[in-house]
C-alpha atoms as a PDB file:
ATOM      1  CA  MET A   1      70.036 -12.865 -47.132  1.00  0.00           C
ATOM      2  CA  TRP A   2      73.297 -11.531 -48.941  1.00  0.00           C
ATOM      3  CA  GLY A   3      73.197 -13.517 -52.036  1.00  0.00           C
ATOM      4  CA  THR A   4      74.481 -16.608 -53.493  1.00  0.00           C
ATOM      5  CA  LEU A   5      77.833 -18.337 -53.398  1.00  0.00           C
ATOM      6  CA  GLU A   6      79.695 -17.862 -56.650  1.00  0.00           C
ATOM      7  CA  ASN A   7      83.150 -19.198 -55.852  1.00  0.00           C
ATOM      8  CA  ILE A   8      85.504 -20.229 -53.084  1.00  0.00           C
ATOM      9  CA  ARG A   9      88.956 -18.876 -53.542  1.00  0.00           C
ATOM     10  CA  VAL A  10      91.692 -20.835 -51.435  1.00  0.00           C
ATOM     11  CA  SER A  11      95.305 -19.562 -51.097  1.00  0.00           C
ATOM     12  CA  SER A  12      97.974 -20.685 -48.745  1.00  0.00           C
ATOM     13  CA  LEU A  13      96.873 -18.549 -45.973  1.00  0.00           C
ATOM     14  CA  ASN A  14      93.016 -17.549 -46.585  1.00  0.00           C
ATOM     15  CA  ILE A  15      89.718 -19.113 -47.670  1.00  0.00           C
ATOM     16  CA  ILE A  16      87.531 -16.402 -49.175  1.00  0.00           C
ATOM     17  CA  LEU A  17      83.958 -16.801 -50.197  1.00  0.00           C
ATOM     18  CA  GLU A  18      82.885 -14.833 -53.275  1.00  0.00           C
ATOM     19  CA  ILE A  19      79.092 -13.995 -52.656  1.00  0.00           C
ATOM     20  CA  LYS A  20      77.134 -12.524 -55.400  1.00  0.00           C
ATOM     21  CA  TYR A  21      75.129  -9.322 -54.042  1.00  0.00           C
ATOM     22  CA  LYS A  22      73.043  -7.554 -56.621  1.00  0.00           C
ATOM     23  CA  ASN A  23      75.337  -6.906 -59.475  1.00  0.00           C
ATOM     24  CA  ASP A  24      78.490  -7.101 -57.388  1.00  0.00           C
ATOM     25  CA  ILE A  25      80.638  -9.645 -55.733  1.00  0.00           C
ATOM     26  CA  VAL A  26      81.464  -9.361 -52.054  1.00  0.00           C
ATOM     27  CA  TYR A  27      84.470 -11.312 -50.647  1.00  0.00           C
ATOM     28  CA  VAL A  28      83.868 -12.619 -47.338  1.00  0.00           C
ATOM     29  CA  PRO A  29      86.655 -14.441 -45.052  1.00  0.00           C
ATOM     30  CA  PHE A  30      85.870 -18.095 -44.241  1.00  0.00           C
ATOM     31  CA  ASN A  31      86.398 -16.945 -40.502  1.00  0.00           C
ATOM     32  CA  ASP A  32      83.267 -15.041 -40.780  1.00  0.00           C
ATOM     33  CA  ILE A  33      81.181 -18.242 -41.090  1.00  0.00           C
ATOM     34  CA  ILE A  34      79.098 -19.156 -38.142  1.00  0.00           C
ATOM     35  CA  LYS A  35      77.258 -22.463 -39.463  1.00  0.00           C
ATOM     36  CA  ILE A  36      77.002 -24.220 -42.716  1.00  0.00           C
ATOM     37  CA  ASN A  37      73.637 -26.206 -43.315  1.00  0.00           C
ATOM     38  CA  LYS A  38      74.218 -28.491 -46.277  1.00  0.00           C
ATOM     39  CA  LYS A  39      70.592 -29.787 -46.431  1.00  0.00           C
ATOM     40  CA  GLU A  40      69.183 -26.344 -46.783  1.00  0.00           C
ATOM     41  CA  LYS A  41      72.196 -25.066 -48.612  1.00  0.00           C
ATOM     42  CA  LEU A  42      72.610 -22.103 -46.392  1.00  0.00           C
ATOM     43  CA  ILE A  43      75.866 -20.549 -44.983  1.00  0.00           C
ATOM     44  CA  VAL A  44      75.397 -18.273 -41.987  1.00  0.00           C
ATOM     45  CA  ILE A  45      77.954 -15.593 -41.599  1.00  0.00           C
ATOM     46  CA  ASP A  46      78.694 -12.938 -39.066  1.00  0.00           C
ATOM     47  CA  PRO A  47      80.264 -10.224 -41.215  1.00  0.00           C
ATOM     48  CA  SER A  48      82.251  -7.219 -40.001  1.00  0.00           C
ATOM     49  CA  GLU A  49      80.386  -3.846 -40.085  1.00  0.00           C
ATOM     50  CA  GLY A  50      80.780  -2.409 -43.525  1.00  0.00           C
ATOM     51  CA  LEU A  51      82.100  -5.656 -45.103  1.00  0.00           C
ATOM     52  CA  LYS A  52      79.448  -5.754 -47.822  1.00  0.00           C
ATOM     53  CA  ASP A  53      80.521  -2.124 -49.154  1.00  0.00           C
ATOM     54  CA  LEU A  54      84.326  -2.569 -48.318  1.00  0.00           C
ATOM     55  CA  ASN A  55      85.282  -5.143 -50.840  1.00  0.00           C
ATOM     56  CA  LYS A  56      82.785  -5.026 -53.664  1.00  0.00           C
ATOM     57  CA  ARG A  57      84.456  -6.041 -56.998  1.00  0.00           C
END
């Protein structure tokens, strides 16, 4: 588990998930989502290698 969904940013071309990971925010592109399970409040992603460290705020 990476963390919790803090926000969803929507721009004209991209949808970005802001995931709180420890004390950082990691930005995950919407196209990395594999599955959304509303009942369990779970989003499954397939992130590119190094994404967690690449775009921390």
